[in-house]
Amino acid sequence: MIGDVTALALLAPMLLLVGLVDGRTGRIPDALNAGIAGLGLLRLAMGSPETLLAHGLDAAIVGGLLLLLRRLYRVWRGRTGLGLGDVKFLVAATLWTGLEALPLVVLLASLSGLAMVGLQALRGGAIRADRRLRFGPHLALALMAVLLLDRFTG
């Protein structure tokens, strides 16, 4: 049986790799997203069938909504605003957090990204509308923060 501490210990290196790889390449590898999702499913399978079903349904809904949002933004702005790897990551993250905590993951990741851009601006870096923010490192950090927060407060 896989416990929460073991699951988090196995998840941490995958999240670190997401941050490093996406930070360098602008892509979250499918293998990492699959590993995060698979470990999340394994963790859920060791618990109640209701939680597995609920989080699985939540992940499917999140995936569908984010793909729709991604498409609508592309039609509206003529460019991609949310990478497919980010969508897959958020689907995998939903298996860990459920729908209830996912907004907190997105909020923390967004604040982290904004803080990074703000710090770059303070150091004299230009802020341009065409600049792409690699969101994976922020998503990975936010997911771990929310899981640790839940572990130590929940």
N, C-alpha and C. Protein backbone atom coordinates (compact mmCIF):
# COMPACT_ATOMS: atom_id res chain seq x y z
N MET A 1 0.85 -1.19 0.00
CA MET A 1 0.00 0.00 0.00
C MET A 1 0.89 1.24 0.00
N ILE A 2 0.51 2.22 -0.78
CA ILE A 2 1.29 3.45 -0.89
C ILE A 2 0.64 4.52 0.00
N GLY A 3 1.41 5.04 0.94
CA GLY A 3 0.91 6.07 1.84
C GLY A 3 1.14 7.46 1.26
N ASP A 4 0.55 8.45 1.91
CA ASP A 4 0.67 9.83 1.43
C ASP A 4 2.12 10.32 1.42
N VAL A 5 2.87 9.99 2.46
CA VAL A 5 4.26 10.45 2.53
C VAL A 5 5.08 9.81 1.41
N THR A 6 4.87 8.51 1.19
CA THR A 6 5.58 7.82 0.11
C THR A 6 5.18 8.39 -1.24
N ALA A 7 3.89 8.62 -1.43
CA ALA A 7 3.41 9.18 -2.70
C ALA A 7 4.03 10.55 -2.96
N LEU A 8 4.07 11.40 -1.94
CA LEU A 8 4.68 12.73 -2.10
C LEU A 8 6.18 12.62 -2.37
N ALA A 9 6.82 11.67 -1.73
CA ALA A 9 8.27 11.46 -1.95
C ALA A 9 8.54 10.99 -3.38
N LEU A 10 7.64 10.21 -3.95
CA LEU A 10 7.79 9.78 -5.34
C LEU A 10 7.40 10.88 -6.32
N LEU A 11 6.45 11.71 -5.93
CA LEU A 11 5.99 12.80 -6.79
C LEU A 11 7.01 13.93 -6.89
N ALA A 12 7.69 14.23 -5.79
CA ALA A 12 8.60 15.39 -5.74
C ALA A 12 9.63 15.40 -6.86
N PRO A 13 10.35 14.30 -7.14
CA PRO A 13 11.33 14.37 -8.23
C PRO A 13 10.69 14.58 -9.60
N MET A 14 9.48 14.06 -9.78
CA MET A 14 8.80 14.29 -11.06
C MET A 14 8.45 15.76 -11.22
N LEU A 15 8.00 16.38 -10.15
CA LEU A 15 7.68 17.81 -10.21
C LEU A 15 8.93 18.65 -10.44
N LEU A 16 10.02 18.25 -9.81
CA LEU A 16 11.29 18.94 -10.02
C LEU A 16 11.68 18.86 -11.50
N LEU A 17 11.54 17.68 -12.09
CA LEU A 17 11.86 17.51 -13.51
C LEU A 17 10.94 18.33 -14.40
N VAL A 18 9.67 18.40 -14.06
CA VAL A 18 8.74 19.24 -14.82
C VAL A 18 9.25 20.67 -14.84
N GLY A 19 9.62 21.18 -13.66
CA GLY A 19 10.12 22.55 -13.58
C GLY A 19 11.39 22.77 -14.38
N LEU A 20 12.33 21.83 -14.26
CA LEU A 20 13.61 21.98 -14.97
C LEU A 20 13.45 21.85 -16.48
N VAL A 21 12.75 20.82 -16.92
CA VAL A 21 12.61 20.58 -18.36
C VAL A 21 11.77 21.67 -19.02
N ASP A 22 10.63 22.01 -18.42
CA ASP A 22 9.80 23.06 -19.03
C ASP A 22 10.52 24.41 -18.97
N GLY A 23 11.24 24.65 -17.89
CA GLY A 23 11.99 25.90 -17.79
C GLY A 23 13.02 26.05 -18.89
N ARG A 24 13.63 24.95 -19.30
CA ARG A 24 14.65 24.99 -20.36
C ARG A 24 14.08 24.90 -21.77
N THR A 25 13.08 24.02 -21.95
CA THR A 25 12.62 23.70 -23.31
C THR A 25 11.27 24.29 -23.66
N GLY A 26 10.51 24.69 -22.66
CA GLY A 26 9.16 25.18 -22.93
C GLY A 26 8.16 24.06 -23.16
N ARG A 27 8.52 22.84 -22.76
CA ARG A 27 7.64 21.68 -22.94
C ARG A 27 7.67 20.81 -21.69
N ILE A 28 6.49 20.30 -21.34
CA ILE A 28 6.40 19.31 -20.27
C ILE A 28 6.28 17.96 -20.96
N PRO A 29 7.25 17.08 -20.76
CA PRO A 29 7.20 15.78 -21.44
C PRO A 29 5.97 14.97 -21.05
N ASP A 30 5.39 14.30 -22.04
CA ASP A 30 4.23 13.45 -21.79
C ASP A 30 4.54 12.38 -20.75
N ALA A 31 5.77 11.86 -20.76
CA ALA A 31 6.14 10.81 -19.81
C ALA A 31 6.04 11.31 -18.37
N LEU A 32 6.41 12.56 -18.13
CA LEU A 32 6.29 13.11 -16.77
C LEU A 32 4.83 13.30 -16.39
N ASN A 33 4.03 13.84 -17.31
CA ASN A 33 2.61 14.00 -17.03
C ASN A 33 1.96 12.65 -16.78
N ALA A 34 2.34 11.64 -17.57
CA ALA A 34 1.79 10.30 -17.39
C ALA A 34 2.23 9.71 -16.04
N GLY A 35 3.47 9.95 -15.66
CA GLY A 35 3.95 9.47 -14.37
C GLY A 35 3.21 10.11 -13.21
N ILE A 36 2.98 11.41 -13.30
CA ILE A 36 2.26 12.13 -12.25
C ILE A 36 0.82 11.63 -12.17
N ALA A 37 0.20 11.45 -13.33
CA ALA A 37 -1.17 10.94 -13.37
C ALA A 37 -1.23 9.51 -12.86
N GLY A 38 -0.30 8.67 -13.30
CA GLY A 38 -0.30 7.27 -12.89
C GLY A 38 -0.11 7.11 -11.40
N LEU A 39 0.82 7.87 -10.83
CA LEU A 39 1.04 7.81 -9.39
C LEU A 39 -0.18 8.32 -8.63
N GLY A 40 -0.81 9.35 -9.17
CA GLY A 40 -2.04 9.86 -8.56
C GLY A 40 -3.15 8.81 -8.59
N LEU A 41 -3.28 8.12 -9.72
CA LEU A 41 -4.30 7.07 -9.83
C LEU A 41 -4.00 5.91 -8.87
N LEU A 42 -2.72 5.55 -8.77
CA LEU A 42 -2.33 4.48 -7.85
C LEU A 42 -2.68 4.85 -6.42
N ARG A 43 -2.38 6.06 -6.06
CA ARG A 43 -2.69 6.56 -4.72
C ARG A 43 -4.19 6.52 -4.47
N LEU A 44 -4.96 6.95 -5.47
CA LEU A 44 -6.42 6.94 -5.33
C LEU A 44 -6.97 5.52 -5.27
N ALA A 45 -6.38 4.61 -6.04
CA ALA A 45 -6.85 3.22 -6.08
C ALA A 45 -6.67 2.54 -4.73
N MET A 46 -5.71 3.01 -3.95
CA MET A 46 -5.48 2.44 -2.62
C MET A 46 -6.50 2.96 -1.60
N GLY A 47 -7.24 3.97 -1.98
CA GLY A 47 -8.25 4.55 -1.08
C GLY A 47 -9.63 4.05 -1.44
N SER A 48 -10.59 4.93 -1.32
CA SER A 48 -11.98 4.54 -1.58
C SER A 48 -12.31 4.61 -3.07
N PRO A 49 -13.15 3.70 -3.54
CA PRO A 49 -13.58 3.73 -4.94
C PRO A 49 -14.31 5.03 -5.29
N GLU A 50 -15.01 5.59 -4.31
CA GLU A 50 -15.76 6.83 -4.55
C GLU A 50 -14.80 7.99 -4.86
N THR A 51 -13.70 8.07 -4.11
CA THR A 51 -12.72 9.13 -4.34
C THR A 51 -12.05 8.94 -5.69
N LEU A 52 -11.71 7.71 -6.03
CA LEU A 52 -11.12 7.43 -7.34
C LEU A 52 -12.05 7.87 -8.45
N LEU A 53 -13.32 7.52 -8.34
CA LEU A 53 -14.29 7.90 -9.36
C LEU A 53 -14.48 9.42 -9.42
N ALA A 54 -14.59 10.05 -8.25
CA ALA A 54 -14.80 11.49 -8.19
C ALA A 54 -13.62 12.26 -8.79
N HIS A 55 -12.41 11.91 -8.40
CA HIS A 55 -11.23 12.61 -8.91
C HIS A 55 -11.01 12.31 -10.39
N GLY A 56 -11.32 11.08 -10.80
CA GLY A 56 -11.22 10.75 -12.22
C GLY A 56 -12.20 11.57 -13.06
N LEU A 57 -13.41 11.70 -12.57
CA LEU A 57 -14.41 12.52 -13.26
C LEU A 57 -14.00 13.98 -13.27
N ASP A 58 -13.52 14.46 -12.13
CA ASP A 58 -13.02 15.84 -12.05
C ASP A 58 -11.92 16.08 -13.08
N ALA A 59 -10.99 15.13 -13.19
CA ALA A 59 -9.87 15.28 -14.14
C ALA A 59 -10.38 15.33 -15.58
N ALA A 60 -11.36 14.50 -15.90
CA ALA A 60 -11.93 14.50 -17.25
C ALA A 60 -12.61 15.84 -17.55
N ILE A 61 -13.33 16.37 -16.58
CA ILE A 61 -14.01 17.67 -16.75
C ILE A 61 -12.98 18.78 -16.93
N VAL A 62 -11.96 18.79 -16.09
CA VAL A 62 -10.89 19.80 -16.18
C VAL A 62 -10.23 19.73 -17.56
N GLY A 63 -9.91 18.53 -18.01
CA GLY A 63 -9.28 18.37 -19.32
C GLY A 63 -10.15 18.92 -20.43
N GLY A 64 -11.43 18.57 -20.40
CA GLY A 64 -12.34 19.07 -21.44
C GLY A 64 -12.48 20.58 -21.42
N LEU A 65 -12.64 21.15 -20.24
CA LEU A 65 -12.79 22.60 -20.12
C LEU A 65 -11.52 23.35 -20.55
N LEU A 66 -10.36 22.83 -20.14
CA LEU A 66 -9.11 23.49 -20.52
C LEU A 66 -8.83 23.39 -22.01
N LEU A 67 -9.17 22.26 -22.61
CA LEU A 67 -9.01 22.13 -24.07
C LEU A 67 -9.94 23.11 -24.79
N LEU A 68 -11.16 23.26 -24.28
CA LEU A 68 -12.09 24.23 -24.86
C LEU A 68 -11.55 25.65 -24.69
N LEU A 69 -11.09 25.99 -23.50
CA LEU A 69 -10.52 27.31 -23.24
C LEU A 69 -9.32 27.57 -24.14
N ARG A 70 -8.48 26.57 -24.28
CA ARG A 70 -7.29 26.69 -25.14
C ARG A 70 -7.69 27.00 -26.58
N ARG A 71 -8.71 26.29 -27.06
CA ARG A 71 -9.19 26.48 -28.44
C ARG A 71 -9.84 27.86 -28.61
N LEU A 72 -10.67 28.24 -27.66
CA LEU A 72 -11.34 29.54 -27.75
C LEU A 72 -10.34 30.69 -27.75
N TYR A 73 -9.31 30.59 -26.91
CA TYR A 73 -8.29 31.62 -26.87
C TYR A 73 -7.56 31.69 -28.22
N ARG A 74 -7.27 30.54 -28.79
CA ARG A 74 -6.57 30.50 -30.08
C ARG A 74 -7.42 31.17 -31.17
N VAL A 75 -8.71 30.90 -31.16
CA VAL A 75 -9.61 31.53 -32.13
C VAL A 75 -9.68 33.03 -31.89
N TRP A 76 -9.79 33.43 -30.64
CA TRP A 76 -9.94 34.84 -30.29
C TRP A 76 -8.67 35.64 -30.55
N ARG A 77 -7.51 35.13 -30.11
CA ARG A 77 -6.27 35.88 -30.20
C ARG A 77 -5.36 35.47 -31.35
N GLY A 78 -5.63 34.34 -31.97
CA GLY A 78 -4.80 33.89 -33.08
C GLY A 78 -3.47 33.27 -32.66
N ARG A 79 -3.35 32.94 -31.38
CA ARG A 79 -2.12 32.30 -30.88
C ARG A 79 -2.49 31.42 -29.69
N THR A 80 -1.59 30.52 -29.39
CA THR A 80 -1.81 29.61 -28.27
C THR A 80 -1.50 30.32 -26.96
N GLY A 81 -2.41 30.22 -26.02
CA GLY A 81 -2.20 30.87 -24.73
C GLY A 81 -1.86 29.88 -23.63
N LEU A 82 -2.25 28.64 -23.81
CA LEU A 82 -2.02 27.60 -22.80
C LEU A 82 -1.49 26.38 -23.53
N GLY A 83 -0.29 25.97 -23.16
CA GLY A 83 0.32 24.83 -23.83
C GLY A 83 -0.41 23.53 -23.52
N LEU A 84 -0.32 22.59 -24.42
CA LEU A 84 -0.97 21.30 -24.23
C LEU A 84 -0.35 20.54 -23.05
N GLY A 85 0.94 20.70 -22.83
CA GLY A 85 1.58 20.08 -21.67
C GLY A 85 1.02 20.62 -20.37
N ASP A 86 0.72 21.91 -20.34
CA ASP A 86 0.11 22.52 -19.14
C ASP A 86 -1.28 21.94 -18.90
N VAL A 87 -2.04 21.75 -19.98
CA VAL A 87 -3.37 21.15 -19.86
C VAL A 87 -3.24 19.74 -19.28
N LYS A 88 -2.34 18.95 -19.84
CA LYS A 88 -2.15 17.58 -19.35
C LYS A 88 -1.68 17.57 -17.90
N PHE A 89 -0.80 18.51 -17.55
CA PHE A 89 -0.33 18.59 -16.17
C PHE A 89 -1.50 18.88 -15.23
N LEU A 90 -2.36 19.81 -15.60
CA LEU A 90 -3.49 20.16 -14.74
C LEU A 90 -4.48 19.02 -14.62
N VAL A 91 -4.63 18.21 -15.66
CA VAL A 91 -5.46 17.01 -15.57
C VAL A 91 -4.83 16.05 -14.55
N ALA A 92 -3.52 15.83 -14.67
CA ALA A 92 -2.83 14.96 -13.72
C ALA A 92 -2.91 15.53 -12.30
N ALA A 93 -2.75 16.84 -12.16
CA ALA A 93 -2.82 17.48 -10.84
C ALA A 93 -4.20 17.29 -10.21
N THR A 94 -5.24 17.29 -11.03
CA THR A 94 -6.60 17.11 -10.52
C THR A 94 -6.76 15.74 -9.89
N LEU A 95 -6.04 14.75 -10.39
CA LEU A 95 -6.09 13.42 -9.76
C LEU A 95 -5.53 13.47 -8.35
N TRP A 96 -4.64 14.39 -8.10
CA TRP A 96 -4.03 14.54 -6.77
C TRP A 96 -4.88 15.42 -5.86
N THR A 97 -5.46 16.48 -6.40
CA THR A 97 -6.13 17.48 -5.55
C THR A 97 -7.64 17.39 -5.58
N GLY A 98 -8.20 16.82 -6.63
CA GLY A 98 -9.63 16.93 -6.85
C GLY A 98 -9.94 18.33 -7.36
N LEU A 99 -11.18 18.53 -7.70
CA LEU A 99 -11.58 19.82 -8.26
C LEU A 99 -11.54 20.94 -7.22
N GLU A 100 -11.75 20.58 -5.96
CA GLU A 100 -11.84 21.60 -4.91
C GLU A 100 -10.57 22.42 -4.76
N ALA A 101 -9.42 21.77 -4.82
CA ALA A 101 -8.15 22.47 -4.57
C ALA A 101 -7.46 22.93 -5.85
N LEU A 102 -7.96 22.52 -7.01
CA LEU A 102 -7.28 22.90 -8.25
C LEU A 102 -7.24 24.42 -8.46
N PRO A 103 -8.30 25.17 -8.14
CA PRO A 103 -8.19 26.63 -8.28
C PRO A 103 -7.05 27.22 -7.46
N LEU A 104 -6.78 26.64 -6.30
CA LEU A 104 -5.66 27.13 -5.49
C LEU A 104 -4.33 26.85 -6.18
N VAL A 105 -4.21 25.70 -6.81
CA VAL A 105 -2.99 25.37 -7.58
C VAL A 105 -2.80 26.41 -8.69
N VAL A 106 -3.86 26.69 -9.43
CA VAL A 106 -3.76 27.65 -10.54
C VAL A 106 -3.47 29.05 -10.01
N LEU A 107 -4.11 29.44 -8.92
CA LEU A 107 -3.86 30.76 -8.32
C LEU A 107 -2.41 30.90 -7.88
N LEU A 108 -1.90 29.91 -7.15
CA LEU A 108 -0.52 29.99 -6.67
C LEU A 108 0.47 29.99 -7.84
N ALA A 109 0.21 29.18 -8.86
CA ALA A 109 1.08 29.16 -10.03
C ALA A 109 1.06 30.51 -10.75
N SER A 110 -0.11 31.10 -10.85
CA SER A 110 -0.23 32.41 -11.51
C SER A 110 0.49 33.49 -10.73
N LEU A 111 0.32 33.47 -9.41
CA LEU A 111 1.02 34.46 -8.58
C LEU A 111 2.52 34.28 -8.66
N SER A 112 2.98 33.04 -8.68
CA SER A 112 4.41 32.76 -8.82
C SER A 112 4.93 33.28 -10.15
N GLY A 113 4.19 33.03 -11.22
CA GLY A 113 4.59 33.53 -12.54
C GLY A 113 4.62 35.04 -12.60
N LEU A 114 3.60 35.67 -12.02
CA LEU A 114 3.57 37.13 -12.00
C LEU A 114 4.72 37.70 -11.18
N ALA A 115 5.03 37.06 -10.07
CA ALA A 115 6.14 37.51 -9.23
C ALA A 115 7.45 37.42 -10.01
N MET A 116 7.63 36.33 -10.76
CA MET A 116 8.86 36.18 -11.54
C MET A 116 8.97 37.28 -12.61
N VAL A 117 7.88 37.54 -13.31
CA VAL A 117 7.88 38.59 -14.33
C VAL A 117 8.13 39.95 -13.68
N GLY A 118 7.51 40.18 -12.52
CA GLY A 118 7.72 41.44 -11.81
C GLY A 118 9.17 41.62 -11.38
N LEU A 119 9.79 40.57 -10.89
CA LEU A 119 11.20 40.65 -10.49
C LEU A 119 12.09 40.92 -11.70
N GLN A 120 11.78 40.28 -12.82
CA GLN A 120 12.56 40.53 -14.04
C GLN A 120 12.41 41.99 -14.49
N ALA A 121 11.21 42.53 -14.35
CA ALA A 121 10.98 43.92 -14.73
C ALA A 121 11.76 44.86 -13.81
N LEU A 122 11.80 44.54 -12.52
CA LEU A 122 12.55 45.37 -11.58
C LEU A 122 14.05 45.35 -11.88
N ARG A 123 14.52 44.25 -12.44
CA ARG A 123 15.94 44.15 -12.80
C ARG A 123 16.21 44.73 -14.18
N GLY A 124 15.22 45.37 -14.77
CA GLY A 124 15.43 46.02 -16.05
C GLY A 124 15.01 45.22 -17.26
N GLY A 125 14.38 44.07 -17.05
CA GLY A 125 13.91 43.26 -18.17
C GLY A 125 12.65 43.84 -18.77
N ALA A 126 12.51 43.71 -20.06
CA ALA A 126 11.34 44.24 -20.75
C ALA A 126 10.16 43.29 -20.60
N ILE A 127 8.98 43.86 -20.41
CA ILE A 127 7.75 43.09 -20.41
C ILE A 127 7.06 43.34 -21.74
N ARG A 128 6.95 42.26 -22.51
CA ARG A 128 6.34 42.38 -23.84
C ARG A 128 5.16 41.42 -23.94
N ALA A 129 4.16 41.82 -24.71
CA ALA A 129 2.96 40.99 -24.86
C ALA A 129 3.25 39.69 -25.60
N ASP A 130 4.28 39.67 -26.41
CA ASP A 130 4.56 38.46 -27.20
C ASP A 130 5.48 37.48 -26.47
N ARG A 131 5.87 37.81 -25.27
CA ARG A 131 6.77 36.94 -24.50
C ARG A 131 5.97 35.79 -23.88
N ARG A 132 6.51 34.59 -23.98
CA ARG A 132 5.84 33.40 -23.45
C ARG A 132 6.40 33.06 -22.07
N LEU A 133 5.50 32.83 -21.15
CA LEU A 133 5.87 32.43 -19.80
C LEU A 133 5.84 30.91 -19.74
N ARG A 134 6.92 30.32 -19.34
CA ARG A 134 6.95 28.86 -19.14
C ARG A 134 6.29 28.58 -17.80
N PHE A 135 5.10 28.04 -17.89
CA PHE A 135 4.22 27.93 -16.73
C PHE A 135 4.45 26.65 -15.93
N GLY A 136 5.08 25.64 -16.53
CA GLY A 136 5.30 24.36 -15.86
C GLY A 136 6.01 24.46 -14.53
N PRO A 137 7.11 25.23 -14.43
CA PRO A 137 7.77 25.33 -13.12
C PRO A 137 6.84 25.89 -12.03
N HIS A 138 5.99 26.82 -12.42
CA HIS A 138 5.07 27.44 -11.47
C HIS A 138 3.95 26.47 -11.08
N LEU A 139 3.47 25.71 -12.06
CA LEU A 139 2.45 24.70 -11.78
C LEU A 139 3.00 23.62 -10.85
N ALA A 140 4.21 23.17 -11.12
CA ALA A 140 4.82 22.11 -10.31
C ALA A 140 5.01 22.58 -8.86
N LEU A 141 5.53 23.77 -8.70
CA LEU A 141 5.73 24.33 -7.36
C LEU A 141 4.39 24.49 -6.63
N ALA A 142 3.40 24.98 -7.34
CA ALA A 142 2.09 25.20 -6.73
C ALA A 142 1.43 23.88 -6.33
N LEU A 143 1.54 22.87 -7.18
CA LEU A 143 0.94 21.58 -6.83
C LEU A 143 1.58 21.02 -5.56
N MET A 144 2.89 21.06 -5.48
CA MET A 144 3.56 20.54 -4.28
C MET A 144 3.17 21.36 -3.06
N ALA A 145 3.09 22.67 -3.20
CA ALA A 145 2.71 23.52 -2.07
C ALA A 145 1.31 23.18 -1.57
N VAL A 146 0.37 23.00 -2.48
CA VAL A 146 -1.00 22.68 -2.08
C VAL A 146 -1.06 21.30 -1.43
N LEU A 147 -0.34 20.32 -1.97
CA LEU A 147 -0.34 18.98 -1.38
C LEU A 147 0.29 18.99 0.01
N LEU A 148 1.38 19.72 0.17
CA LEU A 148 2.02 19.81 1.49
C LEU A 148 1.12 20.57 2.48
N LEU A 149 0.51 21.62 2.01
CA LEU A 149 -0.42 22.38 2.86
C LEU A 149 -1.55 21.48 3.34
N ASP A 150 -2.10 20.68 2.44
CA ASP A 150 -3.16 19.75 2.79
C ASP A 150 -2.67 18.69 3.77
N ARG A 151 -1.46 18.20 3.52
CA ARG A 151 -0.88 17.14 4.36
C ARG A 151 -0.67 17.61 5.80
N PHE A 152 -0.24 18.87 5.95
CA PHE A 152 0.12 19.35 7.28
C PHE A 152 -1.01 20.13 7.98
N THR A 153 -2.06 20.45 7.24
CA THR A 153 -3.17 21.18 7.86
C THR A 153 -4.48 20.39 7.80
N GLY A 154 -4.56 19.44 6.85
CA GLY A 154 -5.83 18.74 6.63
C GLY A 154 -5.98 17.54 7.43
